Amino acid sequence: INQFAHDEDGLAAEFALVVPLLLIFVLGTIDVGLYAYRVNQAEKATQT
């Protein structure tokens, strides 16, 4: 158990696999929010 817990090679590999997915999720969330904000701006500009 101690050896498994301190197996840094395994953690690094897992981290390398998860980080790209996490970045895509975070940037995708920002992108969707920014898209909705642009839609709102365009609607308001058209009304004005």
ModelCIF file with pLDDT and N, C-alpha, C, O atoms, coordinates in Angstrom:
data_MODEL
#
_entry.id   MODEL 
#
_entity.id                         1 
_entity.type                       polymer 
_entity.pdbx_number_of_molecules   1 
#
_entity_poly.entity_id                      1 
_entity_poly.type                           'polypeptide(L)' 
_entity_poly.nstd_linkage                   no 
_entity_poly.nstd_monomer                   no 
_entity_poly.pdbx_seq_one_letter_code       INQFAHDEDGLAAEFALVVPLLLIFVLGTIDVGLYAYRVNQAEKATQT 
_entity_poly.pdbx_seq_one_letter_code_can   INQFAHDEDGLAAEFALVVPLLLIFVLGTIDVGLYAYRVNQAEKATQT 
_entity_poly.pdbx_strand_id                 A 
#
loop_
_entity_poly_seq.entity_id 
_entity_poly_seq.num 
_entity_poly_seq.mon_id 
_entity_poly_seq.hetero 
1 1  ILE n 
1 2  ASN n 
1 3  GLN n 
1 4  PHE n 
1 5  ALA n 
1 6  HIS n 
1 7  ASP n 
1 8  GLU n 
1 9  ASP n 
1 10 GLY n 
1 11 LEU n 
1 12 ALA n 
1 13 ALA n 
1 14 GLU n 
1 15 PHE n 
1 16 ALA n 
1 17 LEU n 
1 18 VAL n 
1 19 VAL n 
1 20 PRO n 
1 21 LEU n 
1 22 LEU n 
1 23 LEU n 
1 24 ILE n 
1 25 PHE n 
1 26 VAL n 
1 27 LEU n 
1 28 GLY n 
1 29 THR n 
1 30 ILE n 
1 31 ASP n 
1 32 VAL n 
1 33 GLY n 
1 34 LEU n 
1 35 TYR n 
1 36 ALA n 
1 37 TYR n 
1 38 ARG n 
1 39 VAL n 
1 40 ASN n 
1 41 GLN n 
1 42 ALA n 
1 43 GLU n 
1 44 LYS n 
1 45 ALA n 
1 46 THR n 
1 47 GLN n 
1 48 THR n 
#
_struct_asym.id          A 
_struct_asym.entity_id   1 
#
loop_
_ma_qa_metric.id 
_ma_qa_metric.mode 
_ma_qa_metric.name 
_ma_qa_metric.software_group_id 
_ma_qa_metric.type 
1 global pLDDT . pLDDT 
2 local  pLDDT . pLDDT 
#
_ma_qa_metric_global.metric_id      1 
_ma_qa_metric_global.metric_value   75.23 
_ma_qa_metric_global.model_id       1 
_ma_qa_metric_global.ordinal_id     1 
#
loop_
_ma_qa_metric_local.label_asym_id 
_ma_qa_metric_local.label_comp_id 
_ma_qa_metric_local.label_seq_id 
_ma_qa_metric_local.metric_id 
_ma_qa_metric_local.metric_value 
_ma_qa_metric_local.model_id 
_ma_qa_metric_local.ordinal_id 
A ILE 1  2 51.00 1 1  
A ASN 2  2 59.00 1 2  
A GLN 3  2 56.00 1 3  
A PHE 4  2 48.00 1 4  
A ALA 5  2 54.00 1 5  
A HIS 6  2 56.00 1 6  
A ASP 7  2 54.00 1 7  
A GLU 8  2 53.00 1 8  
A ASP 9  2 56.00 1 9  
A GLY 10 2 58.00 1 10 
A LEU 11 2 63.00 1 11 
A ALA 12 2 65.00 1 12 
A ALA 13 2 66.00 1 13 
A GLU 14 2 71.00 1 14 
A PHE 15 2 66.00 1 15 
A ALA 16 2 69.00 1 16 
A LEU 17 2 72.00 1 17 
A VAL 18 2 70.00 1 18 
A VAL 19 2 71.00 1 19 
A PRO 20 2 73.00 1 20 
A LEU 21 2 73.00 1 21 
A LEU 22 2 71.00 1 22 
A LEU 23 2 72.00 1 23 
A ILE 24 2 69.00 1 24 
A PHE 25 2 67.00 1 25 
A VAL 26 2 69.00 1 26 
A LEU 27 2 68.00 1 27 
A GLY 28 2 70.00 1 28 
A THR 29 2 76.00 1 29 
A ILE 30 2 77.00 1 30 
A ASP 31 2 81.00 1 31 
A VAL 32 2 82.00 1 32 
A GLY 33 2 85.00 1 33 
A LEU 34 2 87.00 1 34 
A TYR 35 2 89.00 1 35 
A ALA 36 2 91.00 1 36 
A TYR 37 2 93.00 1 37 
A ARG 38 2 92.00 1 38 
A VAL 39 2 95.00 1 39 
A ASN 40 2 96.00 1 40 
A GLN 41 2 96.00 1 41 
A ALA 42 2 97.00 1 42 
A GLU 43 2 97.00 1 43 
A LYS 44 2 97.00 1 44 
A ALA 45 2 98.00 1 45 
A THR 46 2 98.00 1 46 
A GLN 47 2 97.00 1 47 
A THR 48 2 97.00 1 48 
#
loop_
_atom_site.group_PDB 
_atom_site.id 
_atom_site.type_symbol 
_atom_site.label_atom_id 
_atom_site.label_alt_id 
_atom_site.label_comp_id 
_atom_site.label_asym_id 
_atom_site.label_entity_id 
_atom_site.label_seq_id 
_atom_site.pdbx_PDB_ins_code 
_atom_site.Cartn_x 
_atom_site.Cartn_y 
_atom_site.Cartn_z 
_atom_site.occupancy 
_atom_site.B_iso_or_equiv 
_atom_site.pdbx_formal_charge 
_atom_site.auth_seq_id 
_atom_site.auth_comp_id 
_atom_site.auth_asym_id 
_atom_site.auth_atom_id 
_atom_site.pdbx_PDB_model_num 
ATOM 1   N N  . ILE A 1 1  ? 0.841   -1.205 0.000   1.00 51.00 ? 1  ILE A N  1 
ATOM 2   C CA . ILE A 1 1  ? 0.000   0.000  0.000   1.00 51.00 ? 1  ILE A CA 1 
ATOM 3   C C  . ILE A 1 1  ? 0.873   1.251  0.000   1.00 51.00 ? 1  ILE A C  1 
ATOM 4   O O  . ILE A 1 1  ? 0.605   2.204  -0.731  1.00 51.00 ? 1  ILE A O  1 
ATOM 5   N N  . ASN A 1 2  ? 1.922   1.241  0.828   1.00 59.00 ? 2  ASN A N  1 
ATOM 6   C CA . ASN A 1 2  ? 2.826   2.395  0.879   1.00 59.00 ? 2  ASN A CA 1 
ATOM 7   C C  . ASN A 1 2  ? 3.511   2.622  -0.468  1.00 59.00 ? 2  ASN A C  1 
ATOM 8   O O  . ASN A 1 2  ? 3.675   3.757  -0.916  1.00 59.00 ? 2  ASN A O  1 
ATOM 9   N N  . GLN A 1 3  ? 3.904   1.525  -1.096  1.00 56.00 ? 3  GLN A N  1 
ATOM 10  C CA . GLN A 1 3  ? 4.568   1.646  -2.397  1.00 56.00 ? 3  GLN A CA 1 
ATOM 11  C C  . GLN A 1 3  ? 3.624   2.218  -3.452  1.00 56.00 ? 3  GLN A C  1 
ATOM 12  O O  . GLN A 1 3  ? 4.013   3.046  -4.276  1.00 56.00 ? 3  GLN A O  1 
ATOM 13  N N  . PHE A 1 4  ? 2.380   1.757  -3.408  1.00 48.00 ? 4  PHE A N  1 
ATOM 14  C CA . PHE A 1 4  ? 1.389   2.249  -4.378  1.00 48.00 ? 4  PHE A CA 1 
ATOM 15  C C  . PHE A 1 4  ? 1.085   3.727  -4.154  1.00 48.00 ? 4  PHE A C  1 
ATOM 16  O O  . PHE A 1 4  ? 0.928   4.501  -5.098  1.00 48.00 ? 4  PHE A O  1 
ATOM 17  N N  . ALA A 1 5  ? 1.007   4.100  -2.858  1.00 54.00 ? 5  ALA A N  1 
ATOM 18  C CA . ALA A 1 5  ? 0.684   5.494  -2.533  1.00 54.00 ? 5  ALA A CA 1 
ATOM 19  C C  . ALA A 1 5  ? 1.780   6.443  -2.962  1.00 54.00 ? 5  ALA A C  1 
ATOM 20  O O  . ALA A 1 5  ? 1.514   7.607  -3.260  1.00 54.00 ? 5  ALA A O  1 
ATOM 21  N N  . HIS A 1 6  ? 3.025   5.954  -2.996  1.00 56.00 ? 6  HIS A N  1 
ATOM 22  C CA . HIS A 1 6  ? 4.158   6.804  -3.359  1.00 56.00 ? 6  HIS A CA 1 
ATOM 23  C C  . HIS A 1 6  ? 4.635   6.574  -4.792  1.00 56.00 ? 6  HIS A C  1 
ATOM 24  O O  . HIS A 1 6  ? 5.733   6.987  -5.164  1.00 56.00 ? 6  HIS A O  1 
ATOM 25  N N  . ASP A 1 7  ? 3.814   5.923  -5.575  1.00 54.00 ? 7  ASP A N  1 
ATOM 26  C CA . ASP A 1 7  ? 4.167   5.679  -6.974  1.00 54.00 ? 7  ASP A CA 1 
ATOM 27  C C  . ASP A 1 7  ? 3.887   6.931  -7.799  1.00 54.00 ? 7  ASP A C  1 
ATOM 28  O O  . ASP A 1 7  ? 2.794   7.095  -8.340  1.00 54.00 ? 7  ASP A O  1 
ATOM 29  N N  . GLU A 1 8  ? 4.894   7.822  -7.892  1.00 53.00 ? 8  GLU A N  1 
ATOM 30  C CA . GLU A 1 8  ? 4.722   9.100  -8.567  1.00 53.00 ? 8  GLU A CA 1 
ATOM 31  C C  . GLU A 1 8  ? 4.579   8.938  -10.076 1.00 53.00 ? 8  GLU A C  1 
ATOM 32  O O  . GLU A 1 8  ? 3.933   9.761  -10.725 1.00 53.00 ? 8  GLU A O  1 
ATOM 33  N N  . ASP A 1 9  ? 5.159   7.909  -10.634 1.00 56.00 ? 9  ASP A N  1 
ATOM 34  C CA . ASP A 1 9  ? 5.028   7.681  -12.075 1.00 56.00 ? 9  ASP A CA 1 
ATOM 35  C C  . ASP A 1 9  ? 3.564   7.484  -12.455 1.00 56.00 ? 9  ASP A C  1 
ATOM 36  O O  . ASP A 1 9  ? 3.099   8.009  -13.467 1.00 56.00 ? 9  ASP A O  1 
ATOM 37  N N  . GLY A 1 10 ? 2.855   6.733  -11.648 1.00 58.00 ? 10 GLY A N  1 
ATOM 38  C CA . GLY A 1 10 ? 1.440   6.495  -11.924 1.00 58.00 ? 10 GLY A CA 1 
ATOM 39  C C  . GLY A 1 10 ? 0.620   7.766  -11.803 1.00 58.00 ? 10 GLY A C  1 
ATOM 40  O O  . GLY A 1 10 ? -0.258  8.028  -12.626 1.00 58.00 ? 10 GLY A O  1 
ATOM 41  N N  . LEU A 1 11 ? 0.907   8.558  -10.773 1.00 63.00 ? 11 LEU A N  1 
ATOM 42  C CA . LEU A 1 11 ? 0.172   9.816  -10.580 1.00 63.00 ? 11 LEU A CA 1 
ATOM 43  C C  . LEU A 1 11 ? 0.437   10.787 -11.725 1.00 63.00 ? 11 LEU A C  1 
ATOM 44  O O  . LEU A 1 11 ? -0.481  11.457 -12.198 1.00 63.00 ? 11 LEU A O  1 
ATOM 45  N N  . ALA A 1 12 ? 1.660   10.862 -12.160 1.00 65.00 ? 12 ALA A N  1 
ATOM 46  C CA . ALA A 1 12 ? 2.003   11.765 -13.257 1.00 65.00 ? 12 ALA A CA 1 
ATOM 47  C C  . ALA A 1 12 ? 1.275   11.378 -14.534 1.00 65.00 ? 12 ALA A C  1 
ATOM 48  O O  . ALA A 1 12 ? 0.804   12.238 -15.279 1.00 65.00 ? 12 ALA A O  1 
ATOM 49  N N  . ALA A 1 13 ? 1.187   10.081 -14.781 1.00 66.00 ? 13 ALA A N  1 
ATOM 50  C CA . ALA A 1 13 ? 0.489   9.617  -15.985 1.00 66.00 ? 13 ALA A CA 1 
ATOM 51  C C  . ALA A 1 13 ? -0.997  9.945  -15.911 1.00 66.00 ? 13 ALA A C  1 
ATOM 52  O O  . ALA A 1 13 ? -1.602  10.386 -16.888 1.00 66.00 ? 13 ALA A O  1 
ATOM 53  N N  . GLU A 1 14 ? -1.568  9.723  -14.741 1.00 71.00 ? 14 GLU A N  1 
ATOM 54  C CA . GLU A 1 14 ? -2.988  10.036 -14.567 1.00 71.00 ? 14 GLU A CA 1 
ATOM 55  C C  . GLU A 1 14 ? -3.232  11.538 -14.710 1.00 71.00 ? 14 GLU A C  1 
ATOM 56  O O  . GLU A 1 14 ? -4.209  11.971 -15.321 1.00 71.00 ? 14 GLU A O  1 
ATOM 57  N N  . PHE A 1 15 ? -2.322  12.320 -14.132 1.00 66.00 ? 15 PHE A N  1 
ATOM 58  C CA . PHE A 1 15 ? -2.454  13.769 -14.214 1.00 66.00 ? 15 PHE A CA 1 
ATOM 59  C C  . PHE A 1 15 ? -2.380  14.234 -15.677 1.00 66.00 ? 15 PHE A C  1 
ATOM 60  O O  . PHE A 1 15 ? -3.147  15.100 -16.098 1.00 66.00 ? 15 PHE A O  1 
ATOM 61  N N  . ALA A 1 16 ? -1.470  13.663 -16.427 1.00 69.00 ? 16 ALA A N  1 
ATOM 62  C CA . ALA A 1 16 ? -1.314  14.016 -17.842 1.00 69.00 ? 16 ALA A CA 1 
ATOM 63  C C  . ALA A 1 16 ? -2.549  13.665 -18.648 1.00 69.00 ? 16 ALA A C  1 
ATOM 64  O O  . ALA A 1 16 ? -2.862  14.337 -19.631 1.00 69.00 ? 16 ALA A O  1 
ATOM 65  N N  . LEU A 1 17 ? -3.252  12.617 -18.242 1.00 72.00 ? 17 LEU A N  1 
ATOM 66  C CA . LEU A 1 17 ? -4.468  12.228 -18.945 1.00 72.00 ? 17 LEU A CA 1 
ATOM 67  C C  . LEU A 1 17 ? -5.653  13.136 -18.588 1.00 72.00 ? 17 LEU A C  1 
ATOM 68  O O  . LEU A 1 17 ? -6.494  13.431 -19.437 1.00 72.00 ? 17 LEU A O  1 
ATOM 69  N N  . VAL A 1 18 ? -5.708  13.570 -17.336 1.00 70.00 ? 18 VAL A N  1 
ATOM 70  C CA . VAL A 1 18 ? -6.869  14.329 -16.855 1.00 70.00 ? 18 VAL A CA 1 
ATOM 71  C C  . VAL A 1 18 ? -6.798  15.809 -17.227 1.00 70.00 ? 18 VAL A C  1 
ATOM 72  O O  . VAL A 1 18 ? -7.816  16.423 -17.547 1.00 70.00 ? 18 VAL A O  1 
ATOM 73  N N  . VAL A 1 19 ? -5.584  16.383 -17.182 1.00 71.00 ? 19 VAL A N  1 
ATOM 74  C CA . VAL A 1 19 ? -5.444  17.829 -17.390 1.00 71.00 ? 19 VAL A CA 1 
ATOM 75  C C  . VAL A 1 19 ? -6.024  18.306 -18.718 1.00 71.00 ? 19 VAL A C  1 
ATOM 76  O O  . VAL A 1 19 ? -6.752  19.299 -18.707 1.00 71.00 ? 19 VAL A O  1 
ATOM 77  N N  . PRO A 1 20 ? -5.756  17.671 -19.865 1.00 73.00 ? 20 PRO A N  1 
ATOM 78  C CA . PRO A 1 20 ? -6.347  18.156 -21.121 1.00 73.00 ? 20 PRO A CA 1 
ATOM 79  C C  . PRO A 1 20 ? -7.876  18.169 -21.090 1.00 73.00 ? 20 PRO A C  1 
ATOM 80  O O  . PRO A 1 20 ? -8.512  19.097 -21.588 1.00 73.00 ? 20 PRO A O  1 
ATOM 81  N N  . LEU A 1 21 ? -8.449  17.128 -20.499 1.00 73.00 ? 21 LEU A N  1 
ATOM 82  C CA . LEU A 1 21 ? -9.913  17.076 -20.398 1.00 73.00 ? 21 LEU A CA 1 
ATOM 83  C C  . LEU A 1 21 ? -10.438 18.190 -19.497 1.00 73.00 ? 21 LEU A C  1 
ATOM 84  O O  . LEU A 1 21 ? -11.468 18.801 -19.778 1.00 73.00 ? 21 LEU A O  1 
ATOM 85  N N  . LEU A 1 22 ? -9.705  18.443 -18.402 1.00 71.00 ? 22 LEU A N  1 
ATOM 86  C CA . LEU A 1 22 ? -10.114 19.506 -17.487 1.00 71.00 ? 22 LEU A CA 1 
ATOM 87  C C  . LEU A 1 22 ? -10.036 20.870 -18.169 1.00 71.00 ? 22 LEU A C  1 
ATOM 88  O O  . LEU A 1 22 ? -10.931 21.700 -18.008 1.00 71.00 ? 22 LEU A O  1 
ATOM 89  N N  . LEU A 1 23 ? -8.959  21.101 -18.935 1.00 72.00 ? 23 LEU A N  1 
ATOM 90  C CA . LEU A 1 23 ? -8.803  22.370 -19.639 1.00 72.00 ? 23 LEU A CA 1 
ATOM 91  C C  . LEU A 1 23 ? -9.911  22.569 -20.675 1.00 72.00 ? 23 LEU A C  1 
ATOM 92  O O  . LEU A 1 23 ? -10.464 23.662 -20.798 1.00 72.00 ? 23 LEU A O  1 
ATOM 93  N N  . ILE A 1 24 ? -10.225 21.525 -21.405 1.00 69.00 ? 24 ILE A N  1 
ATOM 94  C CA . ILE A 1 24 ? -11.302 21.611 -22.399 1.00 69.00 ? 24 ILE A CA 1 
ATOM 95  C C  . ILE A 1 24 ? -12.629 21.937 -21.722 1.00 69.00 ? 24 ILE A C  1 
ATOM 96  O O  . ILE A 1 24 ? -13.409 22.751 -22.217 1.00 69.00 ? 24 ILE A O  1 
ATOM 97  N N  . PHE A 1 25 ? -12.874 21.290 -20.583 1.00 67.00 ? 25 PHE A N  1 
ATOM 98  C CA . PHE A 1 25 ? -14.120 21.542 -19.847 1.00 67.00 ? 25 PHE A CA 1 
ATOM 99  C C  . PHE A 1 25 ? -14.183 22.991 -19.364 1.00 67.00 ? 25 PHE A C  1 
ATOM 100 O O  . PHE A 1 25 ? -15.206 23.656 -19.525 1.00 67.00 ? 25 PHE A O  1 
ATOM 101 N N  . VAL A 1 26 ? -13.087 23.481 -18.771 1.00 69.00 ? 26 VAL A N  1 
ATOM 102 C CA . VAL A 1 26 ? -13.067 24.842 -18.230 1.00 69.00 ? 26 VAL A CA 1 
ATOM 103 C C  . VAL A 1 26 ? -13.193 25.874 -19.356 1.00 69.00 ? 26 VAL A C  1 
ATOM 104 O O  . VAL A 1 26 ? -14.007 26.795 -19.277 1.00 69.00 ? 26 VAL A O  1 
ATOM 105 N N  . LEU A 1 27 ? -12.380 25.708 -20.403 1.00 68.00 ? 27 LEU A N  1 
ATOM 106 C CA . LEU A 1 27 ? -12.443 26.647 -21.521 1.00 68.00 ? 27 LEU A CA 1 
ATOM 107 C C  . LEU A 1 27 ? -13.779 26.577 -22.245 1.00 68.00 ? 27 LEU A C  1 
ATOM 108 O O  . LEU A 1 27 ? -14.302 27.588 -22.713 1.00 68.00 ? 27 LEU A O  1 
ATOM 109 N N  . GLY A 1 28 ? -14.324 25.368 -22.331 1.00 70.00 ? 28 GLY A N  1 
ATOM 110 C CA . GLY A 1 28 ? -15.645 25.215 -22.956 1.00 70.00 ? 28 GLY A CA 1 
ATOM 111 C C  . GLY A 1 28 ? -16.728 25.931 -22.174 1.00 70.00 ? 28 GLY A C  1 
ATOM 112 O O  . GLY A 1 28 ? -17.619 26.552 -22.754 1.00 70.00 ? 28 GLY A O  1 
ATOM 113 N N  . THR A 1 29 ? -16.646 25.842 -20.842 1.00 76.00 ? 29 THR A N  1 
ATOM 114 C CA . THR A 1 29 ? -17.610 26.544 -19.993 1.00 76.00 ? 29 THR A CA 1 
ATOM 115 C C  . THR A 1 29 ? -17.501 28.058 -20.184 1.00 76.00 ? 29 THR A C  1 
ATOM 116 O O  . THR A 1 29 ? -18.509 28.756 -20.294 1.00 76.00 ? 29 THR A O  1 
ATOM 117 N N  . ILE A 1 30 ? -16.258 28.553 -20.221 1.00 77.00 ? 30 ILE A N  1 
ATOM 118 C CA . ILE A 1 30 ? -16.041 29.989 -20.469 1.00 77.00 ? 30 ILE A CA 1 
ATOM 119 C C  . ILE A 1 30 ? -16.579 30.378 -21.841 1.00 77.00 ? 30 ILE A C  1 
ATOM 120 O O  . ILE A 1 30 ? -17.195 31.432 -21.999 1.00 77.00 ? 30 ILE A O  1 
ATOM 121 N N  . ASP A 1 31 ? -16.341 29.523 -22.829 1.00 81.00 ? 31 ASP A N  1 
ATOM 122 C CA . ASP A 1 31 ? -16.769 29.800 -24.204 1.00 81.00 ? 31 ASP A CA 1 
ATOM 123 C C  . ASP A 1 31 ? -18.287 29.899 -24.303 1.00 81.00 ? 31 ASP A C  1 
ATOM 124 O O  . ASP A 1 31 ? -18.812 30.797 -24.961 1.00 81.00 ? 31 ASP A O  1 
ATOM 125 N N  . VAL A 1 32 ? -18.978 28.992 -23.663 1.00 82.00 ? 32 VAL A N  1 
ATOM 126 C CA . VAL A 1 32 ? -20.449 29.016 -23.686 1.00 82.00 ? 32 VAL A CA 1 
ATOM 127 C C  . VAL A 1 32 ? -20.971 30.281 -23.020 1.00 82.00 ? 32 VAL A C  1 
ATOM 128 O O  . VAL A 1 32 ? -21.900 30.920 -23.517 1.00 82.00 ? 32 VAL A O  1 
ATOM 129 N N  . GLY A 1 33 ? -20.361 30.639 -21.884 1.00 85.00 ? 33 GLY A N  1 
ATOM 130 C CA . GLY A 1 33 ? -20.775 31.867 -21.201 1.00 85.00 ? 33 GLY A CA 1 
ATOM 131 C C  . GLY A 1 33 ? -20.515 33.107 -22.041 1.00 85.00 ? 33 GLY A C  1 
ATOM 132 O O  . GLY A 1 33 ? -21.341 34.018 -22.089 1.00 85.00 ? 33 GLY A O  1 
ATOM 133 N N  . LEU A 1 34 ? -19.356 33.137 -22.706 1.00 87.00 ? 34 LEU A N  1 
ATOM 134 C CA . LEU A 1 34 ? -19.016 34.274 -23.559 1.00 87.00 ? 34 LEU A CA 1 
ATOM 135 C C  . LEU A 1 34 ? -19.954 34.351 -24.757 1.00 87.00 ? 34 LEU A C  1 
ATOM 136 O O  . LEU A 1 34 ? -20.356 35.440 -25.167 1.00 87.00 ? 34 LEU A O  1 
ATOM 137 N N  . TYR A 1 35 ? -20.301 33.201 -25.315 1.00 89.00 ? 35 TYR A N  1 
ATOM 138 C CA . TYR A 1 35 ? -21.243 33.159 -26.444 1.00 89.00 ? 35 TYR A CA 1 
ATOM 139 C C  . TYR A 1 35 ? -22.599 33.725 -26.032 1.00 89.00 ? 35 TYR A C  1 
ATOM 140 O O  . TYR A 1 35 ? -23.194 34.522 -26.757 1.00 89.00 ? 35 TYR A O  1 
ATOM 141 N N  . ALA A 1 36 ? -23.082 33.306 -24.859 1.00 91.00 ? 36 ALA A N  1 
ATOM 142 C CA . ALA A 1 36 ? -24.373 33.811 -24.370 1.00 91.00 ? 36 ALA A CA 1 
ATOM 143 C C  . ALA A 1 36 ? -24.312 35.321 -24.131 1.00 91.00 ? 36 ALA A C  1 
ATOM 144 O O  . ALA A 1 36 ? -25.280 36.036 -24.391 1.00 91.00 ? 36 ALA A O  1 
ATOM 145 N N  . TYR A 1 37 ? -23.176 35.793 -23.638 1.00 93.00 ? 37 TYR A N  1 
ATOM 146 C CA . TYR A 1 37 ? -22.997 37.235 -23.404 1.00 93.00 ? 37 TYR A CA 1 
ATOM 147 C C  . TYR A 1 37 ? -23.006 37.999 -24.726 1.00 93.00 ? 37 TYR A C  1 
ATOM 148 O O  . TYR A 1 37 ? -23.607 39.070 -24.812 1.00 93.00 ? 37 TYR A O  1 
ATOM 149 N N  . ARG A 1 38 ? -22.343 37.461 -25.764 1.00 92.00 ? 38 ARG A N  1 
ATOM 150 C CA . ARG A 1 38 ? -22.336 38.101 -27.079 1.00 92.00 ? 38 ARG A CA 1 
ATOM 151 C C  . ARG A 1 38 ? -23.749 38.139 -27.679 1.00 92.00 ? 38 ARG A C  1 
ATOM 152 O O  . ARG A 1 38 ? -24.143 39.129 -28.295 1.00 92.00 ? 38 ARG A O  1 
ATOM 153 N N  . VAL A 1 39 ? -24.490 37.069 -27.495 1.00 95.00 ? 39 VAL A N  1 
ATOM 154 C CA . VAL A 1 39 ? -25.876 37.045 -27.986 1.00 95.00 ? 39 VAL A CA 1 
ATOM 155 C C  . VAL A 1 39 ? -26.691 38.137 -27.307 1.00 95.00 ? 39 VAL A C  1 
ATOM 156 O O  . VAL A 1 39 ? -27.460 38.841 -27.961 1.00 95.00 ? 39 VAL A O  1 
ATOM 157 N N  . ASN A 1 40 ? -26.522 38.278 -25.997 1.00 96.00 ? 40 ASN A N  1 
ATOM 158 C CA . ASN A 1 40 ? -27.239 39.313 -25.256 1.00 96.00 ? 40 ASN A CA 1 
ATOM 159 C C  . ASN A 1 40 ? -26.839 40.705 -25.735 1.00 96.00 ? 40 ASN A C  1 
ATOM 160 O O  . ASN A 1 40 ? -27.694 41.575 -25.897 1.00 96.00 ? 40 ASN A O  1 
ATOM 161 N N  . GLN A 1 41 ? -25.538 40.921 -25.962 1.00 96.00 ? 41 GLN A N  1 
ATOM 162 C CA . GLN A 1 41 ? -25.065 42.208 -26.470 1.00 96.00 ? 41 GLN A CA 1 
ATOM 163 C C  . GLN A 1 41 ? -25.668 42.522 -27.837 1.00 96.00 ? 41 GLN A C  1 
ATOM 164 O O  . GLN A 1 41 ? -26.099 43.646 -28.093 1.00 96.00 ? 41 GLN A O  1 
ATOM 165 N N  . ALA A 1 42 ? -25.693 41.516 -28.709 1.00 97.00 ? 42 ALA A N  1 
ATOM 166 C CA . ALA A 1 42 ? -26.220 41.723 -30.056 1.00 97.00 ? 42 ALA A CA 1 
ATOM 167 C C  . ALA A 1 42 ? -27.709 42.039 -30.017 1.00 97.00 ? 42 ALA A C  1 
ATOM 168 O O  . ALA A 1 42 ? -28.182 42.904 -30.754 1.00 97.00 ? 42 ALA A O  1 
ATOM 169 N N  . GLU A 1 43 ? -28.444 41.345 -29.162 1.00 97.00 ? 43 GLU A N  1 
ATOM 170 C CA . GLU A 1 43 ? -29.873 41.628 -29.026 1.00 97.00 ? 43 GLU A CA 1 
ATOM 171 C C  . GLU A 1 43 ? -30.104 43.051 -28.540 1.00 97.00 ? 43 GLU A C  1 
ATOM 172 O O  . GLU A 1 43 ? -30.963 43.759 -29.065 1.00 97.00 ? 43 GLU A O  1 
ATOM 173 N N  . LYS A 1 44 ? -29.338 43.471 -27.538 1.00 97.00 ? 44 LYS A N  1 
ATOM 174 C CA . LYS A 1 44 ? -29.492 44.810 -26.983 1.00 97.00 ? 44 LYS A CA 1 
ATOM 175 C C  . LYS A 1 44 ? -29.086 45.873 -28.009 1.00 97.00 ? 44 LYS A C  1 
ATOM 176 O O  . LYS A 1 44 ? -29.737 46.912 -28.115 1.00 97.00 ? 44 LYS A O  1 
ATOM 177 N N  . ALA A 1 45 ? -28.019 45.617 -28.758 1.00 98.00 ? 45 ALA A N  1 
ATOM 178 C CA . ALA A 1 45 ? -27.588 46.565 -29.784 1.00 98.00 ? 45 ALA A CA 1 
ATOM 179 C C  . ALA A 1 45 ? -28.651 46.716 -30.867 1.00 98.00 ? 45 ALA A C  1 
ATOM 180 O O  . ALA A 1 45 ? -28.884 47.817 -31.366 1.00 98.00 ? 45 ALA A O  1 
ATOM 181 N N  . THR A 1 46 ? -29.294 45.611 -31.228 1.00 98.00 ? 46 THR A N  1 
ATOM 182 C CA . THR A 1 46 ? -30.347 45.655 -32.244 1.00 98.00 ? 46 THR A CA 1 
ATOM 183 C C  . THR A 1 46 ? -31.548 46.448 -31.743 1.00 98.00 ? 46 THR A C  1 
ATOM 184 O O  . THR A 1 46 ? -32.103 47.269 -32.472 1.00 98.00 ? 46 THR A O  1 
ATOM 185 N N  . GLN A 1 47 ? -31.945 46.203 -30.507 1.00 97.00 ? 47 GLN A N  1 
ATOM 186 C CA . GLN A 1 47 ? -33.071 46.944 -29.923 1.00 97.00 ? 47 GLN A CA 1 
ATOM 187 C C  . GLN A 1 47 ? -32.766 48.440 -29.840 1.00 97.00 ? 47 GLN A C  1 
ATOM 188 O O  . GLN A 1 47 ? -33.610 49.274 -30.169 1.00 97.00 ? 47 GLN A O  1 
ATOM 189 N N  . THR A 1 48 ? -31.557 48.768 -29.400 1.00 97.00 ? 48 THR A N  1 
ATOM 190 C CA . THR A 1 48 ? -31.166 50.172 -29.291 1.00 97.00 ? 48 THR A CA 1 
ATOM 191 C C  . THR A 1 48 ? -31.115 50.830 -30.664 1.00 97.00 ? 48 THR A C  1 
ATOM 192 O O  . THR A 1 48 ? -30.803 52.016 -30.769 1.00 97.00 ? 48 THR A O  1 
#
